[in-house]
Amino acid sequence: MAKRNDALEGRLSRDREITITVTGRKSGRTISIPIWFVWDDGKLYLLPVKGSDTQWYKNVLENQSIRIDAGGAQSELKVVAVTDATQVKSVVERFRGKYGTSGVNLYSKLDVAVVGQMR
């Protein structure tokens, strides 16, 4: 069973932005990007701003292990790409609930999402 990280979970409950670190699919280097997220019931939902054209998303397809940092609290997560339209729509609705429709309108393509769970 995953070890609980209360400090991280507290941050994820309050913060509007986290930093994710992914491994470059070509370079092998670590790349850190600040992004919006939704934390709900032990799951982390991510929505790539340019959908399947987003570089960090393409990197996650190659290496599903990411590191997240929420105000200094960190964890490694295994994530899965979500391409099913109904499931993606569910993630988009979660983002609308947190950031509003105008926030979600900043996303140019809503064809994929990423879901991670605490280890």
Protein backbone atom coordinates (compact mmCIF):
# COMPACT_ATOMS: atom_id res chain seq x y z
CA MET A 1 0.00 0.00 0.00
CA ALA A 2 1.15 3.52 -0.76
CA LYS A 3 2.68 5.56 2.01
CA ARG A 4 0.56 8.61 2.72
CA ASN A 5 2.19 11.97 2.31
CA ASP A 6 0.00 14.26 4.40
CA ALA A 7 2.01 17.43 3.67
CA LEU A 8 1.72 16.82 -0.06
CA GLU A 9 -1.96 15.91 0.10
CA GLY A 10 -2.64 19.09 2.08
CA ARG A 11 -0.89 21.16 -0.58
CA LEU A 12 -2.73 19.39 -3.38
CA SER A 13 -6.01 20.18 -1.65
CA ARG A 14 -5.22 23.92 -1.55
CA ASP A 15 -2.85 24.84 -4.37
CA ARG A 16 -3.79 25.91 -7.88
CA GLU A 17 -0.53 24.93 -9.57
CA ILE A 18 2.12 22.23 -9.18
CA THR A 19 5.39 21.50 -10.93
CA ILE A 20 5.70 18.19 -12.70
CA THR A 21 9.02 16.71 -13.73
CA VAL A 22 9.05 14.30 -16.66
CA THR A 23 11.85 12.51 -18.50
CA GLY A 24 12.47 13.71 -22.05
CA ARG A 25 11.61 10.95 -24.53
CA LYS A 26 14.54 11.83 -26.80
CA SER A 27 17.03 13.60 -24.52
CA GLY A 28 16.53 11.48 -21.41
CA ARG A 29 16.87 14.70 -19.37
CA THR A 30 14.46 15.73 -16.67
CA ILE A 31 12.13 18.56 -17.63
CA SER A 32 10.08 20.52 -15.07
CA ILE A 33 6.90 22.37 -15.98
CA PRO A 34 4.38 24.28 -13.82
CA ILE A 35 0.84 23.13 -14.59
CA TRP A 36 -2.72 23.21 -13.33
CA PHE A 37 -4.15 20.07 -11.81
CA VAL A 38 -7.12 18.65 -9.95
CA TRP A 39 -6.62 16.50 -6.83
CA ASP A 40 -9.66 14.40 -6.01
CA ASP A 41 -10.05 11.30 -3.87
CA GLY A 42 -6.38 10.29 -3.97
CA LYS A 43 -6.04 10.84 -7.71
CA LEU A 44 -4.20 13.56 -9.58
CA TYR A 45 -5.81 14.73 -12.82
CA LEU A 46 -3.73 16.57 -15.41
CA LEU A 47 -4.91 18.19 -18.61
CA PRO A 48 -2.26 19.00 -21.25
CA VAL A 49 -2.79 22.56 -22.53
CA LYS A 50 -2.35 21.52 -26.18
CA GLY A 51 -3.85 18.06 -25.71
CA SER A 52 -1.99 15.26 -27.45
CA ASP A 53 0.33 17.84 -29.07
CA THR A 54 1.73 18.86 -25.65
CA GLN A 55 5.41 17.94 -25.25
CA TRP A 56 5.23 16.79 -21.64
CA TYR A 57 2.29 14.55 -22.56
CA LYS A 58 4.34 12.94 -25.35
CA ASN A 59 7.13 12.36 -22.80
CA VAL A 60 4.69 10.71 -20.37
CA LEU A 61 3.64 8.27 -23.10
CA GLU A 62 7.25 7.01 -23.10
CA ASN A 63 7.89 7.11 -19.35
CA GLN A 64 4.84 7.01 -17.07
CA SER A 65 6.78 7.92 -13.93
CA ILE A 66 6.61 11.62 -13.01
CA ARG A 67 7.66 13.67 -10.01
CA ILE A 68 5.34 16.30 -8.61
CA ASP A 69 6.19 19.24 -6.40
CA ALA A 70 3.49 21.17 -4.58
CA GLY A 71 5.05 23.97 -2.54
CA GLY A 72 8.11 21.90 -1.67
CA ALA A 73 6.19 18.69 -0.87
CA GLN A 74 7.18 16.09 -3.45
CA SER A 75 6.27 12.62 -4.60
CA GLU A 76 6.79 10.20 -7.47
CA LEU A 77 3.67 9.10 -9.31
CA LYS A 78 2.89 6.54 -11.95
CA VAL A 79 0.48 8.08 -14.44
CA VAL A 80 -1.69 6.76 -17.24
CA ALA A 81 -2.77 8.52 -20.40
CA VAL A 82 -6.52 8.82 -20.86
CA THR A 83 -7.76 8.94 -24.44
CA ASP A 84 -11.34 7.73 -24.05
CA ALA A 85 -13.57 10.72 -24.91
CA THR A 86 -15.98 10.14 -22.01
CA GLN A 87 -13.16 9.90 -19.47
CA VAL A 88 -11.40 12.97 -20.90
CA LYS A 89 -14.67 14.90 -20.66
CA SER A 90 -14.93 13.88 -16.99
CA VAL A 91 -11.44 15.32 -16.35
CA VAL A 92 -12.34 18.51 -18.24
CA GLU A 93 -15.42 18.89 -16.02
CA ARG A 94 -13.22 18.54 -12.91
CA PHE A 95 -11.00 21.33 -14.29
CA ARG A 96 -14.07 23.50 -14.98
CA GLY A 97 -15.12 23.01 -11.38
CA LYS A 98 -11.74 24.19 -10.08
CA TYR A 99 -10.65 26.82 -12.64
CA GLY A 100 -13.95 27.85 -14.25
CA THR A 101 -14.96 27.74 -17.89
CA SER A 102 -12.74 30.72 -18.75
CA GLY A 103 -9.74 28.83 -17.34
CA VAL A 104 -10.50 25.70 -19.34
CA ASN A 105 -10.96 27.87 -22.45
CA LEU A 106 -7.18 28.52 -22.30
CA TYR A 107 -6.68 24.89 -23.36
CA SER A 108 -6.46 24.63 -27.14
CA LYS A 109 -7.17 20.91 -27.49
CA LEU A 110 -9.12 18.65 -25.14
CA ASP A 111 -8.48 15.18 -26.61
CA VAL A 112 -6.42 13.58 -23.81
CA ALA A 113 -5.84 13.71 -20.06
CA VAL A 114 -3.43 12.12 -17.59
CA VAL A 115 -4.35 10.49 -14.29
CA GLY A 116 -1.94 9.55 -11.51
CA GLN A 117 -2.31 7.91 -8.16
CA MET A 118 -0.14 8.23 -5.06
CA ARG A 119 2.25 5.31 -4.68
